[in-house]
C-alpha atoms as a PDB file:
ATOM      1  CA  MET A   1     -11.357  -2.168 -23.491  1.00  0.00           C
ATOM      2  CA  VAL A   2      -7.594  -2.750 -23.305  1.00  0.00           C
ATOM      3  CA  SER A   3      -5.564  -1.093 -20.543  1.00  0.00           C
ATOM      4  CA  LYS A   4      -2.317   0.645 -21.423  1.00  0.00           C
ATOM      5  CA  LEU A   5      -0.571  -0.394 -18.226  1.00  0.00           C
ATOM      6  CA  VAL A   6       2.927  -1.546 -19.118  1.00  0.00           C
ATOM      7  CA  GLN A   7       3.210  -5.278 -18.569  1.00  0.00           C
ATOM      8  CA  LYS A   8       6.373  -7.248 -17.949  1.00  0.00           C
ATOM      9  CA  ASP A   9       6.434 -10.844 -19.142  1.00  0.00           C
ATOM     10  CA  ILE A  10       7.613 -13.273 -16.468  1.00  0.00           C
ATOM     11  CA  ASN A  11       8.197 -16.980 -16.989  1.00  0.00           C
ATOM     12  CA  PHE A  12       6.772 -18.353 -13.737  1.00  0.00           C
ATOM     13  CA  ALA A  13       6.840 -21.822 -15.279  1.00  0.00           C
ATOM     14  CA  GLU A  14      10.529 -21.974 -14.283  1.00  0.00           C
ATOM     15  CA  TYR A  15       9.342 -22.056 -10.652  1.00  0.00           C
ATOM     16  CA  GLY A  16       7.129 -25.073 -11.273  1.00  0.00           C
ATOM     17  CA  ILE A  17       3.440 -25.538 -12.084  1.00  0.00           C
ATOM     18  CA  GLU A  18       1.287 -28.465 -10.999  1.00  0.00           C
ATOM     19  CA  ALA A  19      -2.314 -29.357 -11.887  1.00  0.00           C
ATOM     20  CA  LEU A  20      -4.883 -31.567 -10.166  1.00  0.00           C
ATOM     21  CA  THR A  21      -6.357 -34.151 -12.570  1.00  0.00           C
ATOM     22  CA  GLU A  22      -8.444 -37.317 -12.303  1.00  0.00           C
ATOM     23  CA  ASN A  23      -5.157 -39.220 -12.024  1.00  0.00           C
ATOM     24  CA  GLY A  24      -3.881 -37.094  -9.167  1.00  0.00           C
ATOM     25  CA  ARG A  25      -1.354 -34.253  -9.114  1.00  0.00           C
ATOM     26  CA  VAL A  26       0.480 -33.823 -12.426  1.00  0.00           C
ATOM     27  CA  GLU A  27       3.609 -31.749 -12.896  1.00  0.00           C
ATOM     28  CA  ILE A  28       3.083 -29.348 -15.785  1.00  0.00           C
ATOM     29  CA  SER A  29       6.451 -27.646 -15.449  1.00  0.00           C
ATOM     30  CA  SER A  30       9.343 -28.652 -13.205  1.00  0.00           C
ATOM     31  CA  ASN A  31      10.891 -26.190 -10.753  1.00  0.00           C
ATOM     32  CA  THR A  32      14.344 -25.213 -12.009  1.00  0.00           C
ATOM     33  CA  LYS A  33      14.723 -22.032  -9.963  1.00  0.00           C
ATOM     34  CA  GLY A  34      13.984 -23.055  -6.376  1.00  0.00           C
ATOM     35  CA  PRO A  35      11.572 -21.262  -3.996  1.00  0.00           C
ATOM     36  CA  LEU A  36       9.882 -18.097  -5.287  1.00  0.00           C
ATOM     37  CA  TYR A  37      10.310 -15.414  -2.632  1.00  0.00           C
ATOM     38  CA  VAL A  38       8.593 -12.023  -2.475  1.00  0.00           C
ATOM     39  CA  ASP A  39      11.933 -10.239  -3.018  1.00  0.00           C
ATOM     40  CA  THR A  40      12.537 -12.304  -6.163  1.00  0.00           C
ATOM     41  CA  TYR A  41       9.054 -11.501  -7.466  1.00  0.00           C
ATOM     42  CA  ASN A  42       9.594  -7.776  -6.818  1.00  0.00           C
ATOM     43  CA  LYS A  43      12.791  -7.922  -8.882  1.00  0.00           C
ATOM     44  CA  MET A  44      11.046  -9.804 -11.672  1.00  0.00           C
ATOM     45  CA  ILE A  45       8.364  -7.143 -12.084  1.00  0.00           C
ATOM     46  CA  ASP A  46      10.832  -4.246 -11.761  1.00  0.00           C
ATOM     47  CA  PRO A  47      11.317  -2.879 -15.299  1.00  0.00           C
ATOM     48  CA  ASN A  48      14.740  -1.507 -14.284  1.00  0.00           C
ATOM     49  CA  ASP A  49      16.107  -4.795 -12.959  1.00  0.00           C
ATOM     50  CA  LYS A  50      18.635  -6.211 -15.442  1.00  0.00           C
ATOM     51  CA  GLU A  51      18.540  -9.722 -13.984  1.00  0.00           C
ATOM     52  CA  PHE A  52      15.014 -10.215 -15.329  1.00  0.00           C
ATOM     53  CA  GLU A  53      14.850  -8.428 -18.674  1.00  0.00           C
ATOM     54  CA  MET A  54      11.483  -7.984 -20.374  1.00  0.00           C
ATOM     55  CA  THR A  55      10.705 -10.604 -22.991  1.00  0.00           C
ATOM     56  CA  GLU A  56      10.122  -7.867 -25.557  1.00  0.00           C
ATOM     57  CA  THR A  57      13.852  -7.063 -25.474  1.00  0.00           C
ATOM     58  CA  ALA A  58      14.833 -10.664 -26.208  1.00  0.00           C
ATOM     59  CA  GLU A  59      15.452 -11.904 -29.715  1.00  0.00           C
ATOM     60  CA  ILE A  60      12.158 -12.836 -31.386  1.00  0.00           C
ATOM     61  CA  LYS A  61      12.287 -16.183 -33.130  1.00  0.00           C
ATOM     62  CA  GLN A  62       9.365 -15.649 -35.439  1.00  0.00           C
ATOM     63  CA  VAL A  63       7.131 -12.672 -36.243  1.00  0.00           C
ATOM     64  CA  GLU A  64       3.949 -12.688 -38.267  1.00  0.00           C
ATOM     65  CA  GLU A  65       3.089  -9.129 -39.265  1.00  0.00           C
ATOM     66  CA  LYS A  66      -0.535  -8.026 -39.299  1.00  0.00           C
ATOM     67  CA  ASN A  67      -2.254  -4.716 -39.986  1.00  0.00           C
ATOM     68  CA  ASP A  68      -2.792  -3.650 -36.377  1.00  0.00           C
ATOM     69  CA  TYR A  69      -0.987  -6.362 -34.424  1.00  0.00           C
ATOM     70  CA  GLU A  70       1.868  -8.836 -34.690  1.00  0.00           C
ATOM     71  CA  ILE A  71       2.161 -12.426 -33.527  1.00  0.00           C
ATOM     72  CA  PHE A  72       5.535 -13.617 -32.268  1.00  0.00           C
ATOM     73  CA  TYR A  73       7.241 -16.352 -30.281  1.00  0.00           C
ATOM     74  CA  THR A  74       9.453 -15.612 -27.296  1.00  0.00           C
ATOM     75  CA  ASP A  75      12.733 -17.385 -26.588  1.00  0.00           C
ATOM     76  CA  ASP A  76      10.969 -19.842 -24.304  1.00  0.00           C
ATOM     77  CA  GLY A  77       8.437 -20.714 -27.008  1.00  0.00           C
ATOM     78  CA  VAL A  78       5.432 -18.741 -25.807  1.00  0.00           C
ATOM     79  CA  LYS A  79       3.195 -17.466 -28.597  1.00  0.00           C
ATOM     80  CA  LYS A  80       1.993 -13.903 -28.084  1.00  0.00           C
ATOM     81  CA  VAL A  81       0.290 -11.027 -29.816  1.00  0.00           C
ATOM     82  CA  ARG A  82       1.480  -7.432 -29.611  1.00  0.00           C
ATOM     83  CA  THR A  83      -0.986  -4.634 -30.422  1.00  0.00           C
ATOM     84  CA  SER A  84      -0.097  -1.381 -32.134  1.00  0.00           C
ATOM     85  CA  GLY A  85      -0.345   0.256 -28.689  1.00  0.00           C
ATOM     86  CA  GLY A  86       2.432  -1.968 -27.349  1.00  0.00           C
ATOM     87  CA  ASN A  87       0.355  -4.309 -25.158  1.00  0.00           C
ATOM     88  CA  THR A  88       1.231  -8.031 -25.298  1.00  0.00           C
ATOM     89  CA  TYR A  89      -0.971 -11.048 -24.482  1.00  0.00           C
ATOM     90  CA  PRO A  90      -0.117 -14.767 -24.527  1.00  0.00           C
ATOM     91  CA  GLU A  91      -2.046 -17.277 -26.625  1.00  0.00           C
ATOM     92  CA  GLY A  92      -4.964 -18.748 -24.739  1.00  0.00           C
ATOM     93  CA  THR A  93      -6.091 -15.550 -23.078  1.00  0.00           C
ATOM     94  CA  PRO A  94      -9.396 -13.820 -23.923  1.00  0.00           C
ATOM     95  CA  GLU A  95      -7.436 -10.728 -25.014  1.00  0.00           C
ATOM     96  CA  TYR A  96      -5.362 -12.761 -27.497  1.00  0.00           C
ATOM     97  CA  ALA A  97      -8.447 -14.420 -28.971  1.00  0.00           C
ATOM     98  CA  ASP A  98     -10.300 -11.125 -29.259  1.00  0.00           C
ATOM     99  CA  ILE A  99      -7.413  -9.392 -31.031  1.00  0.00           C
ATOM    100  CA  VAL A 100      -6.609 -12.142 -33.568  1.00  0.00           C
ATOM    101  CA  GLY A 101     -10.241 -13.193 -34.080  1.00  0.00           C
ATOM    102  CA  GLU A 102      -9.900 -16.735 -32.725  1.00  0.00           C
ATOM    103  CA  SER A 103     -12.297 -18.594 -30.440  1.00  0.00           C
ATOM    104  CA  LEU A 104     -11.091 -20.032 -27.152  1.00  0.00           C
ATOM    105  CA  ASP A 105     -11.294 -23.805 -26.783  1.00  0.00           C
ATOM    106  CA  SER A 106     -12.971 -25.395 -23.792  1.00  0.00           C
ATOM    107  CA  GLY A 107      -9.770 -26.805 -22.333  1.00  0.00           C
ATOM    108  CA  MET A 108      -8.578 -25.992 -18.836  1.00  0.00           C
ATOM    109  CA  LYS A 109      -6.308 -22.953 -18.602  1.00  0.00           C
ATOM    110  CA  ILE A 110      -3.841 -22.707 -15.731  1.00  0.00           C
ATOM    111  CA  ALA A 111      -2.112 -19.536 -14.623  1.00  0.00           C
ATOM    112  CA  MET A 112      -0.410 -18.441 -11.444  1.00  0.00           C
ATOM    113  CA  ARG A 113      -1.137 -14.910 -10.243  1.00  0.00           C
ATOM    114  CA  PRO A 114       0.983 -13.703  -7.315  1.00  0.00           C
ATOM    115  CA  ILE A 115      -0.741 -10.994  -5.243  1.00  0.00           C
ATOM    116  CA  LEU A 116       1.308  -8.253  -3.648  1.00  0.00           C
ATOM    117  CA  ASN A 117       0.148  -6.477  -0.537  1.00  0.00           C
ATOM    118  CA  PHE A 118       1.248  -2.905   0.128  1.00  0.00           C
ATOM    119  CA  ASN A 119       3.978  -0.812   1.691  1.00  0.00           C
ATOM    120  CA  ILE A 120       4.234   0.936   5.049  1.00  0.00           C
ATOM    121  CA  LEU A 121       6.776   3.729   5.422  1.00  0.00           C
ATOM    122  CA  ARG A 122       8.450   4.017   8.823  1.00  0.00           C
ATOM    123  CA  VAL A 123      10.137   7.308   9.692  1.00  0.00           C
ATOM    124  CA  GLU A 124      12.210   8.110  12.775  1.00  0.00           C
ATOM    125  CA  ILE A 125      12.198  11.818  13.682  1.00  0.00           C
ATOM    126  CA  PRO A 126      14.868  13.343  15.976  1.00  0.00           C
ATOM    127  CA  GLN A 127      13.862  13.945  19.596  1.00  0.00           C
ATOM    128  CA  ALA A 128      14.593  17.679  19.328  1.00  0.00           C
ATOM    129  CA  ILE A 129      11.836  18.033  16.720  1.00  0.00           C
ATOM    130  CA  ILE A 130       9.444  15.936  18.815  1.00  0.00           C
ATOM    131  CA  ASP A 131      10.094  18.213  21.807  1.00  0.00           C
ATOM    132  CA  GLU A 132       9.357  21.278  19.667  1.00  0.00           C
ATOM    133  CA  ILE A 133       6.085  19.776  18.402  1.00  0.00           C
ATOM    134  CA  ASN A 134       4.998  18.862  21.947  1.00  0.00           C
ATOM    135  CA  THR A 135       5.757  22.368  23.181  1.00  0.00           C
ATOM    136  CA  HIS A 136       3.721  23.834  20.326  1.00  0.00           C
ATOM    137  CA  ILE A 137       0.810  21.504  21.153  1.00  0.00           C
ATOM    138  CA  ASP A 138       0.935  22.340  24.866  1.00  0.00           C
ATOM    139  CA  THR A 139       1.005  26.100  24.307  1.00  0.00           C
ATOM    140  CA  GLU A 140      -0.999  26.596  21.103  1.00  0.00           C
ATOM    141  CA  ILE A 141      -3.190  23.549  20.468  1.00  0.00           C
ATOM    142  CA  VAL A 142      -4.574  22.222  23.762  1.00  0.00           C
ATOM    143  CA  SER A 143      -6.209  25.458  24.875  1.00  0.00           C
ATOM    144  CA  LYS A 144      -6.980  27.028  21.495  1.00  0.00           C
ATOM    145  CA  SER A 145      -7.866  24.355  18.934  1.00  0.00           C
ATOM    146  CA  LYS A 146     -11.286  23.014  18.030  1.00  0.00           C
ATOM    147  CA  SER A 147     -12.188  19.467  19.034  1.00  0.00           C
ATOM    148  CA  PHE A 148     -12.260  16.937  16.183  1.00  0.00           C
ATOM    149  CA  ALA A 149     -14.119  14.346  18.282  1.00  0.00           C
ATOM    150  CA  ASP A 150     -17.449  14.732  16.464  1.00  0.00           C
ATOM    151  CA  GLY A 151     -15.868  13.659  13.166  1.00  0.00           C
ATOM    152  CA  LEU A 152     -13.660  10.833  14.480  1.00  0.00           C
ATOM    153  CA  VAL A 153     -14.358   7.401  15.955  1.00  0.00           C
ATOM    154  CA  GLY A 154     -11.803   7.637  18.777  1.00  0.00           C
ATOM    155  CA  GLN A 155     -13.201   6.894  22.241  1.00  0.00           C
ATOM    156  CA  LEU A 156     -10.965   9.363  24.074  1.00  0.00           C
ATOM    157  CA  LYS A 157     -13.092  10.361  27.060  1.00  0.00           C
ATOM    158  CA  GLU A 158     -11.800   8.694  30.233  1.00  0.00           C
ATOM    159  CA  ASN A 159      -9.843  11.721  31.469  1.00  0.00           C
ATOM    160  CA  GLU A 160     -10.654  15.427  31.557  1.00  0.00           C
ATOM    161  CA  ARG A 161      -7.620  15.902  29.331  1.00  0.00           C
ATOM    162  CA  SER A 162      -8.660  13.183  26.839  1.00  0.00           C
ATOM    163  CA  ALA A 163      -9.168  14.873  23.458  1.00  0.00           C
ATOM    164  CA  GLN A 164      -8.798  14.865  19.690  1.00  0.00           C
ATOM    165  CA  LEU A 165      -7.890  18.369  18.545  1.00  0.00           C
ATOM    166  CA  ASN A 166      -7.442  20.159  15.245  1.00  0.00           C
ATOM    167  CA  PHE A 167      -3.794  20.865  14.374  1.00  0.00           C
ATOM    168  CA  PRO A 168      -3.781  23.964  12.109  1.00  0.00           C
ATOM    169  CA  LEU A 169      -1.228  24.005   9.300  1.00  0.00           C
ATOM    170  CA  ASP A 170      -1.302  27.787   8.801  1.00  0.00           C
ATOM    171  CA  THR A 171       0.977  28.590  11.761  1.00  0.00           C
ATOM    172  CA  GLU A 172       4.782  28.751  11.531  1.00  0.00           C
ATOM    173  CA  VAL A 173       5.186  25.302  13.071  1.00  0.00           C
ATOM    174  CA  GLY A 174       2.225  23.992  11.071  1.00  0.00           C
ATOM    175  CA  LYS A 175       3.689  25.158   7.767  1.00  0.00           C
ATOM    176  CA  GLN A 176       7.033  23.549   8.579  1.00  0.00           C
ATOM    177  CA  LEU A 177       5.373  20.238   9.408  1.00  0.00           C
ATOM    178  CA  GLU A 178       3.187  20.446   6.305  1.00  0.00           C
ATOM    179  CA  THR A 179       6.296  20.742   4.132  1.00  0.00           C
ATOM    180  CA  VAL A 180       7.934  17.752   5.826  1.00  0.00           C
ATOM    181  CA  PHE A 181       4.771  15.640   5.708  1.00  0.00           C
ATOM    182  CA  ASN A 182       4.234  16.397   2.004  1.00  0.00           C
ATOM    183  CA  GLN A 183       7.836  15.438   1.216  1.00  0.00           C
ATOM    184  CA  LEU A 184       7.481  12.165   3.120  1.00  0.00           C
ATOM    185  CA  GLY A 185       4.134  11.321   1.511  1.00  0.00           C
ATOM    186  CA  THR A 186       5.440  12.022  -1.987  1.00  0.00           C
ATOM    187  CA  THR A 187       8.568   9.941  -1.311  1.00  0.00           C
ATOM    188  CA  TYR A 188       6.345   7.075  -0.160  1.00  0.00           C
ATOM    189  CA  LEU A 189       4.384   7.190  -3.439  1.00  0.00           C
ATOM    190  CA  LYS A 190       7.465   7.334  -5.662  1.00  0.00           C
ATOM    191  CA  LYS A 191       9.626   4.795  -3.823  1.00  0.00           C
ATOM    192  CA  GLY A 192       6.898   2.433  -2.636  1.00  0.00           C
ATOM    193  CA  TYR A 193       4.688   2.392  -5.731  1.00  0.00           C
ATOM    194  CA  ASP A 194       6.682   4.097  -8.509  1.00  0.00           C
ATOM    195  CA  ARG A 195       3.743   6.495  -8.766  1.00  0.00           C
ATOM    196  CA  ASP A 196       4.233   9.840 -10.474  1.00  0.00           C
ATOM    197  CA  ALA A 197       2.156  11.819  -8.006  1.00  0.00           C
ATOM    198  CA  ASN A 198       2.382  14.323  -5.163  1.00  0.00           C
ATOM    199  CA  ALA A 199       0.969  13.891  -1.665  1.00  0.00           C
ATOM    200  CA  GLU A 200      -0.702  16.928  -0.110  1.00  0.00           C
ATOM    201  CA  VAL A 201      -1.716  16.941   3.563  1.00  0.00           C
ATOM    202  CA  SER A 202      -5.424  17.685   3.862  1.00  0.00           C
ATOM    203  CA  GLN A 203      -6.105  17.073   7.573  1.00  0.00           C
ATOM    204  CA  CYS A 204      -4.065  16.999  10.742  1.00  0.00           C
ATOM    205  CA  TRP A 205      -5.116  16.453  14.370  1.00  0.00           C
ATOM    206  CA  THR A 206      -3.729  15.418  17.748  1.00  0.00           C
ATOM    207  CA  ASN A 207      -4.816  12.470  19.902  1.00  0.00           C
ATOM    208  CA  HIS A 208      -4.530  12.742  23.693  1.00  0.00           C
ATOM    209  CA  ALA A 209      -5.311   9.365  25.288  1.00  0.00           C
ATOM    210  CA  TYR A 210      -5.251   8.359  28.938  1.00  0.00           C
ATOM    211  CA  ALA A 211      -6.005   5.162  30.878  1.00  0.00           C
ATOM    212  CA  GLY A 212      -9.081   3.438  29.453  1.00  0.00           C
ATOM    213  CA  ASP A 213      -9.183   5.447  26.202  1.00  0.00           C
ATOM    214  CA  TYR A 214      -9.129   3.535  22.923  1.00  0.00           C
ATOM    215  CA  ASN A 215      -9.730   3.909  19.191  1.00  0.00           C
ATOM    216  CA  PRO A 216     -11.880   1.186  17.512  1.00  0.00           C
ATOM    217  CA  PHE A 217     -11.257  -0.271  14.067  1.00  0.00           C
ATOM    218  CA  HIS A 218     -11.522   2.367  11.378  1.00  0.00           C
ATOM    219  CA  ASP A 219      -9.929   3.771   8.239  1.00  0.00           C
ATOM    220  CA  HIS A 220      -9.597   7.334   6.962  1.00  0.00           C
ATOM    221  CA  GLY A 221     -11.245   9.255   4.152  1.00  0.00           C
ATOM    222  CA  VAL A 222      -9.673  11.604   1.603  1.00  0.00           C
ATOM    223  CA  LYS A 223     -10.939  13.748  -1.270  1.00  0.00           C
ATOM    224  CA  THR A 224      -8.985  12.004  -4.055  1.00  0.00           C
ATOM    225  CA  VAL A 225      -9.288   8.503  -5.531  1.00  0.00           C
ATOM    226  CA  ALA A 226      -6.079   7.426  -3.804  1.00  0.00           C
ATOM    227  CA  GLY A 227      -4.994   8.722  -0.429  1.00  0.00           C
ATOM    228  CA  LEU A 228      -2.550   8.252   2.415  1.00  0.00           C
ATOM    229  CA  SER A 229      -2.878   8.265   6.182  1.00  0.00           C
ATOM    230  CA  GLY A 230      -0.358   8.228   8.966  1.00  0.00           C
ATOM    231  CA  PHE A 231       0.482   9.084  12.524  1.00  0.00           C
ATOM    232  CA  LEU A 232       3.462  10.204  14.563  1.00  0.00           C
ATOM    233  CA  TRP A 233       3.847   9.152  18.196  1.00  0.00           C
ATOM    234  CA  LEU A 234       4.784  12.096  20.422  1.00  0.00           C
ATOM    235  CA  LYS A 235       4.403  10.761  23.985  1.00  0.00           C
ATOM    236  CA  VAL A 236       4.283   7.166  25.242  1.00  0.00           C
ATOM    237  CA  PRO A 237       3.574   6.325  28.925  1.00  0.00           C
ATOM    238  CA  ASP A 238       5.941   4.036  30.813  1.00  0.00           C
ATOM    239  CA  CYS A 239       3.217   1.388  31.155  1.00  0.00           C
ATOM    240  CA  ILE A 240       3.318   1.020  27.352  1.00  0.00           C
ATOM    241  CA  LYS A 241       7.088   1.435  27.016  1.00  0.00           C
ATOM    242  CA  ASN A 242       7.589  -1.444  29.474  1.00  0.00           C
ATOM    243  CA  THR A 243       5.566  -3.956  27.432  1.00  0.00           C
ATOM    244  CA  PRO A 244       7.618  -6.610  25.562  1.00  0.00           C
ATOM    245  CA  ASP A 245       8.823  -5.646  22.101  1.00  0.00           C
ATOM    246  CA  ILE A 246       7.297  -8.829  20.699  1.00  0.00           C
ATOM    247  CA  PRO A 247       3.480  -9.018  20.899  1.00  0.00           C
ATOM    248  CA  GLU A 248       2.524 -11.099  23.928  1.00  0.00           C
ATOM    249  CA  ILE A 249      -1.194 -11.409  24.677  1.00  0.00           C
ATOM    250  CA  LYS A 250      -1.679 -14.800  26.324  1.00  0.00           C
ATOM    251  CA  ASN A 251      -2.068 -15.324  30.050  1.00  0.00           C
ATOM    252  CA  ALA A 252      -3.812 -11.931  30.405  1.00  0.00           C
ATOM    253  CA  SER A 253      -0.398 -10.260  30.178  1.00  0.00           C
ATOM    254  CA  GLY A 254      -1.603  -6.955  28.708  1.00  0.00           C
ATOM    255  CA  GLY A 255       1.353  -7.212  26.375  1.00  0.00           C
ATOM    256  CA  VAL A 256      -0.237  -5.086  23.633  1.00  0.00           C
ATOM    257  CA  ASP A 257      -2.068  -2.562  25.804  1.00  0.00           C
ATOM    258  CA  GLY A 258      -1.828   0.837  24.123  1.00  0.00           C
ATOM    259  CA  TRP A 259      -0.384  -0.650  20.924  1.00  0.00           C
ATOM    260  CA  THR A 260      -1.630   0.117  17.430  1.00  0.00           C
ATOM    261  CA  HIS A 261      -3.182  -2.813  15.576  1.00  0.00           C
ATOM    262  CA  LEU A 262      -3.037  -2.785  11.761  1.00  0.00           C
ATOM    263  CA  CYS A 263      -5.293  -5.183   9.850  1.00  0.00           C
ATOM    264  CA  TRP A 264      -5.559  -5.742   6.075  1.00  0.00           C
ATOM    265  CA  GLY A 265      -7.295  -9.140   6.134  1.00  0.00           C
ATOM    266  CA  THR A 266      -8.902 -11.713   8.382  1.00  0.00           C
ATOM    267  CA  ASN A 267      -5.949 -13.954   9.200  1.00  0.00           C
ATOM    268  CA  THR A 268      -4.299 -13.875  12.607  1.00  0.00           C
ATOM    269  CA  MET A 269      -0.721 -14.346  13.742  1.00  0.00           C
ATOM    270  CA  ARG A 270      -1.477 -17.990  14.527  1.00  0.00           C
ATOM    271  CA  ASP A 271      -2.424 -18.610  10.899  1.00  0.00           C
ATOM    272  CA  LEU A 272       1.203 -18.033   9.842  1.00  0.00           C
ATOM    273  CA  MET A 273       2.048 -21.477  11.161  1.00  0.00           C
ATOM    274  CA  GLN A 274      -0.607 -22.840   8.779  1.00  0.00           C
ATOM    275  CA  LEU A 275       1.118 -21.190   5.792  1.00  0.00           C
ATOM    276  CA  ARG A 276      -1.447 -18.418   5.552  1.00  0.00           C
ATOM    277  CA  PRO A 277      -0.063 -14.952   4.763  1.00  0.00           C
ATOM    278  CA  GLN A 278       0.250 -12.320   7.443  1.00  0.00           C
ATOM    279  CA  THR A 279      -2.678  -9.896   7.307  1.00  0.00           C
ATOM    280  CA  GLU A 280      -2.289  -8.039  10.593  1.00  0.00           C
ATOM    281  CA  ASP A 281       0.382  -6.536  12.772  1.00  0.00           C
ATOM    282  CA  TYR A 282       0.648  -5.141  16.274  1.00  0.00           C
ATOM    283  CA  VAL A 283       2.904  -2.094  16.407  1.00  0.00           C
ATOM    284  CA  LYS A 284       4.378  -0.856  19.671  1.00  0.00           C
ATOM    285  CA  PRO A 285       4.322   2.959  19.798  1.00  0.00           C
ATOM    286  CA  ILE A 286       7.731   4.622  20.078  1.00  0.00           C
ATOM    287  CA  GLU A 287       8.184   8.339  20.569  1.00  0.00           C
ATOM    288  CA  GLY A 288       9.462   9.955  17.379  1.00  0.00           C
ATOM    289  CA  THR A 289       8.336   7.117  15.089  1.00  0.00           C
ATOM    290  CA  MET A 290       5.948   7.833  12.210  1.00  0.00           C
ATOM    291  CA  LEU A 291       4.046   5.399   9.980  1.00  0.00           C
ATOM    292  CA  ILE A 292       2.565   6.202   6.541  1.00  0.00           C
ATOM    293  CA  PHE A 293       0.216   3.814   4.728  1.00  0.00           C
ATOM    294  CA  PRO A 294      -2.706   3.729   2.248  1.00  0.00           C
ATOM    295  CA  GLN A 295      -5.790   5.418   3.698  1.00  0.00           C
ATOM    296  CA  TRP A 296      -7.884   2.255   3.318  1.00  0.00           C
ATOM    297  CA  LEU A 297      -5.785   0.326   5.853  1.00  0.00           C
ATOM    298  CA  LYS A 298      -7.926  -0.422   8.886  1.00  0.00           C
ATOM    299  CA  HIS A 299      -6.348   0.100  12.283  1.00  0.00           C
ATOM    300  CA  GLN A 300      -7.207   0.490  15.936  1.00  0.00           C
ATOM    301  CA  VAL A 301      -5.542   1.623  19.153  1.00  0.00           C
ATOM    302  CA  LEU A 302      -5.963  -0.712  22.106  1.00  0.00           C
ATOM    303  CA  PRO A 303      -6.672   0.732  25.572  1.00  0.00           C
ATOM    304  CA  PHE A 304      -3.975   0.898  28.230  1.00  0.00           C
ATOM    305  CA  PHE A 305      -4.152   1.081  32.008  1.00  0.00           C
ATOM    306  CA  GLY A 306      -1.589   3.202  33.797  1.00  0.00           C
ATOM    307  CA  GLU A 307      -0.404   6.717  34.440  1.00  0.00           C
ATOM    308  CA  GLY A 308       0.562   9.130  31.709  1.00  0.00           C
ATOM    309  CA  GLU A 309      -0.541  10.440  28.316  1.00  0.00           C
ATOM    310  CA  ARG A 310      -0.354   8.574  25.022  1.00  0.00           C
ATOM    311  CA  ARG A 311      -0.053  11.405  22.486  1.00  0.00           C
ATOM    312  CA  SER A 312       0.097  11.248  18.718  1.00  0.00           C
ATOM    313  CA  ILE A 313      -0.500  13.456  15.725  1.00  0.00           C
ATOM    314  CA  ALA A 314      -2.453  11.967  12.807  1.00  0.00           C
ATOM    315  CA  MET A 315      -2.801  13.174   9.236  1.00  0.00           C
ATOM    316  CA  ASN A 316      -4.330  12.400   5.836  1.00  0.00           C
ATOM    317  CA  TRP A 317      -2.909  13.151   2.385  1.00  0.00           C
ATOM    318  CA  ASN A 318      -4.688  13.640  -0.925  1.00  0.00           C
ATOM    319  CA  VAL A 319      -2.811  12.022  -3.823  1.00  0.00           C
ATOM    320  CA  ILE A 320      -2.486  14.282  -6.869  1.00  0.00           C
ATOM    321  CA  ASP A 321      -1.505  12.230  -9.927  1.00  0.00           C
ATOM    322  CA  SER A 322       0.431  13.726 -12.819  1.00  0.00           C
ATOM    323  CA  GLU A 323      -1.133  13.728 -16.300  1.00  0.00           C
ATOM    324  CA  ASP A 324       1.146  10.878 -17.402  1.00  0.00           C
ATOM    325  CA  GLU A 325       0.185   8.813 -14.354  1.00  0.00           C
ATOM    326  CA  LYS A 326      -3.534   9.271 -15.027  1.00  0.00           C
ATOM    327  CA  LYS A 327      -3.118   8.123 -18.632  1.00  0.00           C
ATOM    328  CA  LYS A 328      -1.417   4.870 -17.585  1.00  0.00           C
ATOM    329  CA  TYR A 329      -4.818   3.528 -16.582  1.00  0.00           C
ATOM    330  CA  MET A 330      -6.737   4.690 -19.655  1.00  0.00           C
ATOM    331  CA  SER A 331      -7.559   2.868 -22.863  1.00  0.00           C
ATOM    332  CA  ASP A 332      -6.772   4.585 -26.167  1.00  0.00           C
ATOM    333  CA  ARG A 333     -10.379   5.762 -26.421  1.00  0.00           C
ATOM    334  CA  GLU A 334     -10.455   7.041 -22.838  1.00  0.00           C
ATOM    335  CA  GLU A 335      -7.207   8.935 -23.359  1.00  0.00           C
ATOM    336  CA  SER A 336      -8.559  10.472 -26.572  1.00  0.00           C
ATOM    337  CA  LEU A 337     -11.728  11.629 -24.823  1.00  0.00           C
ATOM    338  CA  TYR A 338      -9.680  12.884 -21.888  1.00  0.00           C
ATOM    339  CA  ASN A 339      -7.422  14.946 -24.181  1.00  0.00           C
ATOM    340  CA  GLU A 340     -10.442  16.345 -26.021  1.00  0.00           C
ATOM    341  CA  GLN A 341     -12.066  17.368 -22.760  1.00  0.00           C
ATOM    342  CA  ASN A 342      -8.891  19.077 -21.538  1.00  0.00           C
ATOM    343  CA  ALA A 343      -8.546  20.894 -24.852  1.00  0.00           C
ATOM    344  CA  SER A 344     -12.124  22.155 -24.699  1.00  0.00           C
ATOM    345  CA  ASP A 345     -11.675  23.287 -21.106  1.00  0.00           C
END
């Protein structure tokens, strides 16, 4: 089944390819471009970036017309097949062989596949709005809202005021925040992932942590296939504010007490020196700062030891894809069945 995701052809050979053989390391293609940075890769896969035009727009040297596909050569000599649906595959791939009816040889195939991580949106909200939210929580939430503790993993229990409370979105303040949160979530989808979808807040609650409270590793659930999560720091005790801005955890310094720890892999900060990619981050909470990220991202809040309340508001978004966005991931047959089902409904 062939996906209809739009592909952009990129000549990574210009950045050098080497292979390990019985005679040692052999250079398949020399590096004529220099180091390949993440920013460069992002530009290369951006269909709107003029510096790296899609191969399909280049002049085709040779085209062999077929009934339901065409074989052509790109300017850099790569032989490809283009299907009637617009998908292109280079010679040597299983898709190419399947389309043109050829069998793959048993030779070694080499390809480089860069893997992107994900985006985190950071928002800074004016202090006046933070003060208004805190006032609303103090007067309307703390004494009136239902506890969310039975449905959350947070270990907020060390103080009589420790709590995780429902934040209703049907009040005047709640409706205003819902509008802002939905706008931010939708912006994150469009700017961070070029996704034609809307984000709709589905849950919202407050976290009231005191000395000794913590939140173990966890992620959040949503009702849609894709989802977003986030939190907004509302109050940060001085004992956390006074920690260094750069994570410092050796010598029992308590340098990340009360910080939020994000983790999307198993590597540690020390592994960076060994050329392993970063897969975790410690984030110091700052009043008025909000983070938005995919709901699968695991995170935890480390305990702190000192006077004061660490307060935040957390939320989840459902991601509602447009019809065009849904069809990007369908084969021709799936799209046909999908359209038939919608018509019958």
